[in-house]
């Protein structure tokens, strides 16, 4: 499977890279765009809150993803149906990555991120019930992936466009940290404790986002 996936990615992504071109540069008019570089960004409370929020979004999905097939089967899904938890989760993930950034363009980044963490909390609660495995896992993957897609725009709004790529790389370190801690939690904690931890982390992420204020330049 991995070999086939690698071949498909080589053809599709390689072909896309061959035809990808940067847009022509626009003539500079007026003062340069304001923005913080990564050294300035790392000193702001906004960076710490955003990195923490990204880390706290991970447990709701990653505490369970390594064992989702096993959990679905144990919750009563027939063996033939259990793999659909993966298929449904992947489809919901793609939908979240497409829909939530589009909604954030209209309603604003923070309202959509509030919805993301509320959705993660609700999905974590639903996932604790036996009959809701497929629906709850789809909710979790929808909001987790949607939040990951909205976060780069949110950080660009906060810290400016000139250094957006590097700055988001530092924000994404929170996702890496949350992923590692989620894996450790999945190995160390019983399932019931993981449900509680996922909900608490989602609520804490919501609080972090709510505390983020615009960055004052100057």
C-alpha atoms as a PDB file:
ATOM      1  CA  UNK A   1       0.000   0.000   0.000  1.00  0.00           C
ATOM      2  CA  UNK A   2       2.768   2.438   0.877  1.00  0.00           C
ATOM      3  CA  UNK A   3       4.629   1.646  -2.336  1.00  0.00           C
ATOM      4  CA  UNK A   4       1.483   2.229  -4.405  1.00  0.00           C
ATOM      5  CA  UNK A   5       0.743   5.448  -2.533  1.00  0.00           C
ATOM      6  CA  UNK A   6       4.301   6.650  -3.125  1.00  0.00           C
ATOM      7  CA  UNK A   7       3.998   5.987  -6.845  1.00  0.00           C
ATOM      8  CA  UNK A   8       0.683   7.853  -7.076  1.00  0.00           C
ATOM      9  CA  UNK A   9       2.088  10.804  -5.131  1.00  0.00           C
ATOM     10  CA  UNK A  10       5.153  10.901  -7.370  1.00  0.00           C
ATOM     11  CA  UNK A  11       3.007  11.103 -10.502  1.00  0.00           C
ATOM     12  CA  UNK A  12       0.333  13.487  -9.199  1.00  0.00           C
ATOM     13  CA  UNK A  13       2.476  15.786  -7.061  1.00  0.00           C
ATOM     14  CA  UNK A  14       5.416  15.637  -9.458  1.00  0.00           C
ATOM     15  CA  UNK A  15       3.214  16.610 -12.389  1.00  0.00           C
ATOM     16  CA  UNK A  16       1.695  19.402 -10.336  1.00  0.00           C
ATOM     17  CA  UNK A  17       5.128  20.703  -9.352  1.00  0.00           C
ATOM     18  CA  UNK A  18       6.198  20.835 -12.994  1.00  0.00           C
ATOM     19  CA  UNK A  19       3.368  23.199 -13.954  1.00  0.00           C
ATOM     20  CA  UNK A  20       3.278  25.221 -10.727  1.00  0.00           C
ATOM     21  CA  UNK A  21       4.414  28.815 -11.161  1.00  0.00           C
ATOM     22  CA  UNK A  22       4.514  31.784  -8.858  1.00  0.00           C
ATOM     23  CA  UNK A  23       2.223  34.645  -9.838  1.00  0.00           C
ATOM     24  CA  UNK A  24       3.981  37.671 -11.332  1.00  0.00           C
ATOM     25  CA  UNK A  25       5.215  40.056  -8.623  1.00  0.00           C
ATOM     26  CA  UNK A  26       3.084  43.097  -8.004  1.00  0.00           C
ATOM     27  CA  UNK A  27       4.605  46.526  -8.190  1.00  0.00           C
ATOM     28  CA  UNK A  28       5.380  47.752  -4.682  1.00  0.00           C
ATOM     29  CA  UNK A  29       3.190  50.694  -3.773  1.00  0.00           C
ATOM     30  CA  UNK A  30       3.177  52.425  -0.434  1.00  0.00           C
ATOM     31  CA  UNK A  31       5.057  51.279   2.658  1.00  0.00           C
ATOM     32  CA  UNK A  32       6.118  47.624   3.004  1.00  0.00           C
ATOM     33  CA  UNK A  33       3.642  45.270   4.603  1.00  0.00           C
ATOM     34  CA  UNK A  34       3.974  45.121   8.383  1.00  0.00           C
ATOM     35  CA  UNK A  35       4.780  41.815   9.964  1.00  0.00           C
ATOM     36  CA  UNK A  36       6.826  40.136  12.662  1.00  0.00           C
ATOM     37  CA  UNK A  37       9.705  37.810  11.924  1.00  0.00           C
ATOM     38  CA  UNK A  38       9.961  34.582  13.884  1.00  0.00           C
ATOM     39  CA  UNK A  39      12.281  36.056  16.529  1.00  0.00           C
ATOM     40  CA  UNK A  40       9.769  38.787  17.289  1.00  0.00           C
ATOM     41  CA  UNK A  41       6.845  36.385  17.099  1.00  0.00           C
ATOM     42  CA  UNK A  42       8.360  33.917  19.566  1.00  0.00           C
ATOM     43  CA  UNK A  43       8.436  36.633  22.221  1.00  0.00           C
ATOM     44  CA  UNK A  44       4.717  37.372  21.990  1.00  0.00           C
ATOM     45  CA  UNK A  45       2.034  35.823  24.203  1.00  0.00           C
ATOM     46  CA  UNK A  46      -0.017  35.317  21.050  1.00  0.00           C
ATOM     47  CA  UNK A  47       2.517  32.801  19.746  1.00  0.00           C
ATOM     48  CA  UNK A  48       2.503  30.821  22.986  1.00  0.00           C
ATOM     49  CA  UNK A  49      -1.297  30.730  23.064  1.00  0.00           C
ATOM     50  CA  UNK A  50      -1.554  29.658  19.418  1.00  0.00           C
ATOM     51  CA  UNK A  51       1.071  26.933  19.762  1.00  0.00           C
ATOM     52  CA  UNK A  52      -0.661  25.664  22.909  1.00  0.00           C
ATOM     53  CA  UNK A  53      -4.066  25.704  21.178  1.00  0.00           C
ATOM     54  CA  UNK A  54      -2.716  23.716  18.236  1.00  0.00           C
ATOM     55  CA  UNK A  55      -1.172  21.172  20.613  1.00  0.00           C
ATOM     56  CA  UNK A  56      -4.426  20.870  22.576  1.00  0.00           C
ATOM     57  CA  UNK A  57      -6.415  20.102  19.431  1.00  0.00           C
ATOM     58  CA  UNK A  58      -4.467  16.898  18.819  1.00  0.00           C
ATOM     59  CA  UNK A  59      -5.611  14.621  21.681  1.00  0.00           C
ATOM     60  CA  UNK A  60      -9.261  14.561  20.598  1.00  0.00           C
ATOM     61  CA  UNK A  61      -8.272  12.589  17.485  1.00  0.00           C
ATOM     62  CA  UNK A  62      -4.791  11.201  18.070  1.00  0.00           C
ATOM     63  CA  UNK A  63      -5.544   9.562  21.414  1.00  0.00           C
ATOM     64  CA  UNK A  64      -7.775   7.179  19.475  1.00  0.00           C
ATOM     65  CA  UNK A  65      -6.557   7.053  15.879  1.00  0.00           C
ATOM     66  CA  UNK A  66      -3.897   4.365  16.451  1.00  0.00           C
ATOM     67  CA  UNK A  67      -6.608   2.015  17.734  1.00  0.00           C
ATOM     68  CA  UNK A  68      -9.718   3.214  15.911  1.00  0.00           C
ATOM     69  CA  UNK A  69     -10.202  -0.090  14.075  1.00  0.00           C
ATOM     70  CA  UNK A  70      -9.945  -2.038  17.346  1.00  0.00           C
ATOM     71  CA  UNK A  71     -12.218   0.390  19.209  1.00  0.00           C
ATOM     72  CA  UNK A  72     -14.870   0.276  16.492  1.00  0.00           C
ATOM     73  CA  UNK A  73     -14.857  -3.522  16.519  1.00  0.00           C
ATOM     74  CA  UNK A  74     -15.081  -3.632  20.320  1.00  0.00           C
ATOM     75  CA  UNK A  75     -18.026  -1.214  20.275  1.00  0.00           C
ATOM     76  CA  UNK A  76     -20.107  -3.659  18.291  1.00  0.00           C
ATOM     77  CA  UNK A  77     -19.353  -2.886  14.655  1.00  0.00           C
ATOM     78  CA  UNK A  78     -19.077  -6.060  12.591  1.00  0.00           C
ATOM     79  CA  UNK A  79     -15.602  -6.777  11.317  1.00  0.00           C
ATOM     80  CA  UNK A  80     -16.663  -6.027   7.759  1.00  0.00           C
ATOM     81  CA  UNK A  81     -17.932  -2.557   8.752  1.00  0.00           C
ATOM     82  CA  UNK A  82     -15.145  -1.478  11.094  1.00  0.00           C
ATOM     83  CA  UNK A  83     -12.811  -0.302   8.274  1.00  0.00           C
ATOM     84  CA  UNK A  84     -15.454   2.227   7.278  1.00  0.00           C
ATOM     85  CA  UNK A  85     -14.468   4.212  10.374  1.00  0.00           C
ATOM     86  CA  UNK A  86     -11.208   4.994   8.554  1.00  0.00           C
ATOM     87  CA  UNK A  87     -12.930   5.792   5.264  1.00  0.00           C
ATOM     88  CA  UNK A  88     -15.513   8.022   6.915  1.00  0.00           C
ATOM     89  CA  UNK A  89     -12.865   9.761   9.001  1.00  0.00           C
ATOM     90  CA  UNK A  90     -10.786  10.494   5.900  1.00  0.00           C
ATOM     91  CA  UNK A  91     -13.784  11.898   4.026  1.00  0.00           C
ATOM     92  CA  UNK A  92     -14.734  14.068   7.000  1.00  0.00           C
ATOM     93  CA  UNK A  93     -11.136  15.279   7.260  1.00  0.00           C
ATOM     94  CA  UNK A  94     -11.127  16.377   3.621  1.00  0.00           C
ATOM     95  CA  UNK A  95     -14.488  18.107   4.054  1.00  0.00           C
ATOM     96  CA  UNK A  96     -13.222  20.004   7.092  1.00  0.00           C
ATOM     97  CA  UNK A  97     -10.111  21.192   5.274  1.00  0.00           C
ATOM     98  CA  UNK A  98     -12.258  22.562   2.447  1.00  0.00           C
ATOM     99  CA  UNK A  99     -15.271  23.988   4.287  1.00  0.00           C
ATOM    100  CA  UNK A 100     -13.964  25.560   7.478  1.00  0.00           C
ATOM    101  CA  UNK A 101     -11.333  27.819   5.853  1.00  0.00           C
ATOM    102  CA  UNK A 102     -14.000  29.020   3.406  1.00  0.00           C
ATOM    103  CA  UNK A 103     -16.352  29.789   6.294  1.00  0.00           C
ATOM    104  CA  UNK A 104     -13.553  31.589   8.143  1.00  0.00           C
ATOM    105  CA  UNK A 105     -13.081  33.897   5.148  1.00  0.00           C
ATOM    106  CA  UNK A 106     -16.644  35.101   5.689  1.00  0.00           C
ATOM    107  CA  UNK A 107     -17.179  34.887   9.445  1.00  0.00           C
ATOM    108  CA  UNK A 108     -13.652  35.450  10.744  1.00  0.00           C
ATOM    109  CA  UNK A 109     -10.960  33.111  12.021  1.00  0.00           C
ATOM    110  CA  UNK A 110     -11.709  33.176  15.743  1.00  0.00           C
ATOM    111  CA  UNK A 111     -15.427  32.321  15.486  1.00  0.00           C
ATOM    112  CA  UNK A 112     -14.575  29.311  13.322  1.00  0.00           C
ATOM    113  CA  UNK A 113     -11.813  28.229  15.696  1.00  0.00           C
ATOM    114  CA  UNK A 114     -14.296  28.493  18.577  1.00  0.00           C
ATOM    115  CA  UNK A 115     -16.539  26.137  16.614  1.00  0.00           C
ATOM    116  CA  UNK A 116     -13.569  23.823  16.025  1.00  0.00           C
ATOM    117  CA  UNK A 117     -12.825  23.365  19.715  1.00  0.00           C
ATOM    118  CA  UNK A 118     -16.494  23.077  20.635  1.00  0.00           C
ATOM    119  CA  UNK A 119     -16.813  20.438  17.916  1.00  0.00           C
ATOM    120  CA  UNK A 120     -13.795  18.567  19.268  1.00  0.00           C
ATOM    121  CA  UNK A 121     -15.257  18.650  22.776  1.00  0.00           C
ATOM    122  CA  UNK A 122     -18.659  17.446  21.538  1.00  0.00           C
ATOM    123  CA  UNK A 123     -17.083  14.746  19.387  1.00  0.00           C
ATOM    124  CA  UNK A 124     -14.985  13.565  22.333  1.00  0.00           C
ATOM    125  CA  UNK A 125     -18.114  13.233  24.454  1.00  0.00           C
ATOM    126  CA  UNK A 126     -19.976  11.408  21.698  1.00  0.00           C
ATOM    127  CA  UNK A 127     -17.062   9.081  21.101  1.00  0.00           C
ATOM    128  CA  UNK A 128     -17.405   7.796  24.654  1.00  0.00           C
ATOM    129  CA  UNK A 129     -20.771   6.203  23.841  1.00  0.00           C
ATOM    130  CA  UNK A 130     -20.848   2.761  22.304  1.00  0.00           C
ATOM    131  CA  UNK A 131     -23.164   3.361  19.369  1.00  0.00           C
ATOM    132  CA  UNK A 132     -21.696   6.656  18.180  1.00  0.00           C
ATOM    133  CA  UNK A 133     -18.237   5.563  17.076  1.00  0.00           C
ATOM    134  CA  UNK A 134     -18.511   6.291  13.362  1.00  0.00           C
ATOM    135  CA  UNK A 135     -20.412   9.574  13.674  1.00  0.00           C
ATOM    136  CA  UNK A 136     -18.265  10.873  16.524  1.00  0.00           C
ATOM    137  CA  UNK A 137     -15.002   9.968  14.789  1.00  0.00           C
ATOM    138  CA  UNK A 138     -16.195  11.772  11.651  1.00  0.00           C
ATOM    139  CA  UNK A 139     -17.011  14.859  13.747  1.00  0.00           C
ATOM    140  CA  UNK A 140     -13.580  14.746  15.367  1.00  0.00           C
ATOM    141  CA  UNK A 141     -11.662  14.409  12.109  1.00  0.00           C
ATOM    142  CA  UNK A 142     -13.792  17.109  10.435  1.00  0.00           C
ATOM    143  CA  UNK A 143     -13.037  19.703  13.091  1.00  0.00           C
ATOM    144  CA  UNK A 144      -9.438  18.656  13.712  1.00  0.00           C
ATOM    145  CA  UNK A 145      -8.460  18.908  10.059  1.00  0.00           C
ATOM    146  CA  UNK A 146     -10.583  22.019   9.537  1.00  0.00           C
ATOM    147  CA  UNK A 147      -8.888  23.731  12.460  1.00  0.00           C
ATOM    148  CA  UNK A 148      -5.466  22.800  11.082  1.00  0.00           C
ATOM    149  CA  UNK A 149      -6.457  24.424   7.780  1.00  0.00           C
ATOM    150  CA  UNK A 150      -7.745  27.632   9.397  1.00  0.00           C
ATOM    151  CA  UNK A 151      -4.772  28.078  11.718  1.00  0.00           C
ATOM    152  CA  UNK A 152      -2.256  29.268   9.055  1.00  0.00           C
ATOM    153  CA  UNK A 153      -4.607  32.089   8.005  1.00  0.00           C
ATOM    154  CA  UNK A 154      -5.239  32.992  11.625  1.00  0.00           C
ATOM    155  CA  UNK A 155      -1.517  33.246  12.275  1.00  0.00           C
ATOM    156  CA  UNK A 156      -0.955  35.275   9.113  1.00  0.00           C
ATOM    157  CA  UNK A 157      -3.655  37.696  10.278  1.00  0.00           C
ATOM    158  CA  UNK A 158      -1.886  37.985  13.630  1.00  0.00           C
ATOM    159  CA  UNK A 159       1.774  38.191  12.617  1.00  0.00           C
ATOM    160  CA  UNK A 160       1.647  39.471   9.048  1.00  0.00           C
ATOM    161  CA  UNK A 161       2.339  38.074   5.607  1.00  0.00           C
ATOM    162  CA  UNK A 162       6.066  38.718   4.960  1.00  0.00           C
ATOM    163  CA  UNK A 163       7.271  35.880   7.222  1.00  0.00           C
ATOM    164  CA  UNK A 164       4.119  33.755   7.229  1.00  0.00           C
ATOM    165  CA  UNK A 165       5.796  30.532   6.085  1.00  0.00           C
ATOM    166  CA  UNK A 166       8.507  30.390   8.732  1.00  0.00           C
ATOM    167  CA  UNK A 167       6.178  31.714  11.410  1.00  0.00           C
ATOM    168  CA  UNK A 168       3.633  28.999  10.781  1.00  0.00           C
ATOM    169  CA  UNK A 169       6.397  26.422  10.928  1.00  0.00           C
ATOM    170  CA  UNK A 170       7.016  27.467  14.521  1.00  0.00           C
ATOM    171  CA  UNK A 171       3.281  27.387  15.264  1.00  0.00           C
ATOM    172  CA  UNK A 172       3.130  23.858  13.850  1.00  0.00           C
ATOM    173  CA  UNK A 173       5.675  22.747  16.452  1.00  0.00           C
ATOM    174  CA  UNK A 174       2.698  22.777  18.795  1.00  0.00           C
ATOM    175  CA  UNK A 175       1.016  20.187  16.583  1.00  0.00           C
ATOM    176  CA  UNK A 176       4.127  18.013  16.722  1.00  0.00           C
ATOM    177  CA  UNK A 177       4.252  18.286  20.494  1.00  0.00           C
ATOM    178  CA  UNK A 178       0.561  17.477  20.814  1.00  0.00           C
ATOM    179  CA  UNK A 179       0.979  14.467  18.535  1.00  0.00           C
ATOM    180  CA  UNK A 180       3.841  13.047  20.585  1.00  0.00           C
ATOM    181  CA  UNK A 181       2.019  13.565  23.877  1.00  0.00           C
ATOM    182  CA  UNK A 182      -1.139  12.016  22.411  1.00  0.00           C
ATOM    183  CA  UNK A 183       0.781   8.922  21.388  1.00  0.00           C
ATOM    184  CA  UNK A 184       2.245   8.618  24.872  1.00  0.00           C
ATOM    185  CA  UNK A 185      -1.236   9.089  26.370  1.00  0.00           C
ATOM    186  CA  UNK A 186      -2.721   6.455  24.058  1.00  0.00           C
ATOM    187  CA  UNK A 187      -0.145   3.953  25.279  1.00  0.00           C
ATOM    188  CA  UNK A 188      -0.320   4.853  28.970  1.00  0.00           C
ATOM    189  CA  UNK A 189      -3.990   5.613  29.692  1.00  0.00           C
ATOM    190  CA  UNK A 190      -7.083   3.429  29.701  1.00  0.00           C
ATOM    191  CA  UNK A 191      -9.790   4.299  27.193  1.00  0.00           C
ATOM    192  CA  UNK A 192     -12.090   5.991  29.723  1.00  0.00           C
ATOM    193  CA  UNK A 193      -9.315   8.321  30.877  1.00  0.00           C
ATOM    194  CA  UNK A 194      -8.502   9.194  27.271  1.00  0.00           C
ATOM    195  CA  UNK A 195     -12.082  10.334  26.706  1.00  0.00           C
ATOM    196  CA  UNK A 196     -11.840  12.711  29.664  1.00  0.00           C
ATOM    197  CA  UNK A 197      -8.419  13.976  28.609  1.00  0.00           C
ATOM    198  CA  UNK A 198      -9.583  14.651  25.049  1.00  0.00           C
ATOM    199  CA  UNK A 199     -12.543  16.730  26.237  1.00  0.00           C
ATOM    200  CA  UNK A 200     -10.458  18.690  28.740  1.00  0.00           C
ATOM    201  CA  UNK A 201      -7.802  19.459  26.141  1.00  0.00           C
ATOM    202  CA  UNK A 202     -10.432  20.698  23.668  1.00  0.00           C
ATOM    203  CA  UNK A 203     -11.884  23.024  26.321  1.00  0.00           C
ATOM    204  CA  UNK A 204      -8.399  24.295  27.184  1.00  0.00           C
ATOM    205  CA  UNK A 205      -7.693  24.947  23.492  1.00  0.00           C
ATOM    206  CA  UNK A 206     -10.868  27.015  23.261  1.00  0.00           C
ATOM    207  CA  UNK A 207      -9.699  29.106  26.206  1.00  0.00           C
ATOM    208  CA  UNK A 208      -6.303  29.657  24.578  1.00  0.00           C
ATOM    209  CA  UNK A 209      -7.907  30.901  21.349  1.00  0.00           C
ATOM    210  CA  UNK A 210     -10.240  33.202  23.278  1.00  0.00           C
ATOM    211  CA  UNK A 211      -7.251  34.844  24.987  1.00  0.00           C
ATOM    212  CA  UNK A 212      -5.473  35.683  21.725  1.00  0.00           C
ATOM    213  CA  UNK A 213      -5.561  39.444  21.066  1.00  0.00           C
ATOM    214  CA  UNK A 214      -4.345  41.354  18.007  1.00  0.00           C
ATOM    215  CA  UNK A 215      -0.606  41.927  17.932  1.00  0.00           C
ATOM    216  CA  UNK A 216       0.400  45.546  18.432  1.00  0.00           C
ATOM    217  CA  UNK A 217       3.142  46.539  16.023  1.00  0.00           C
ATOM    218  CA  UNK A 218       5.548  49.130  17.140  1.00  0.00           C
END
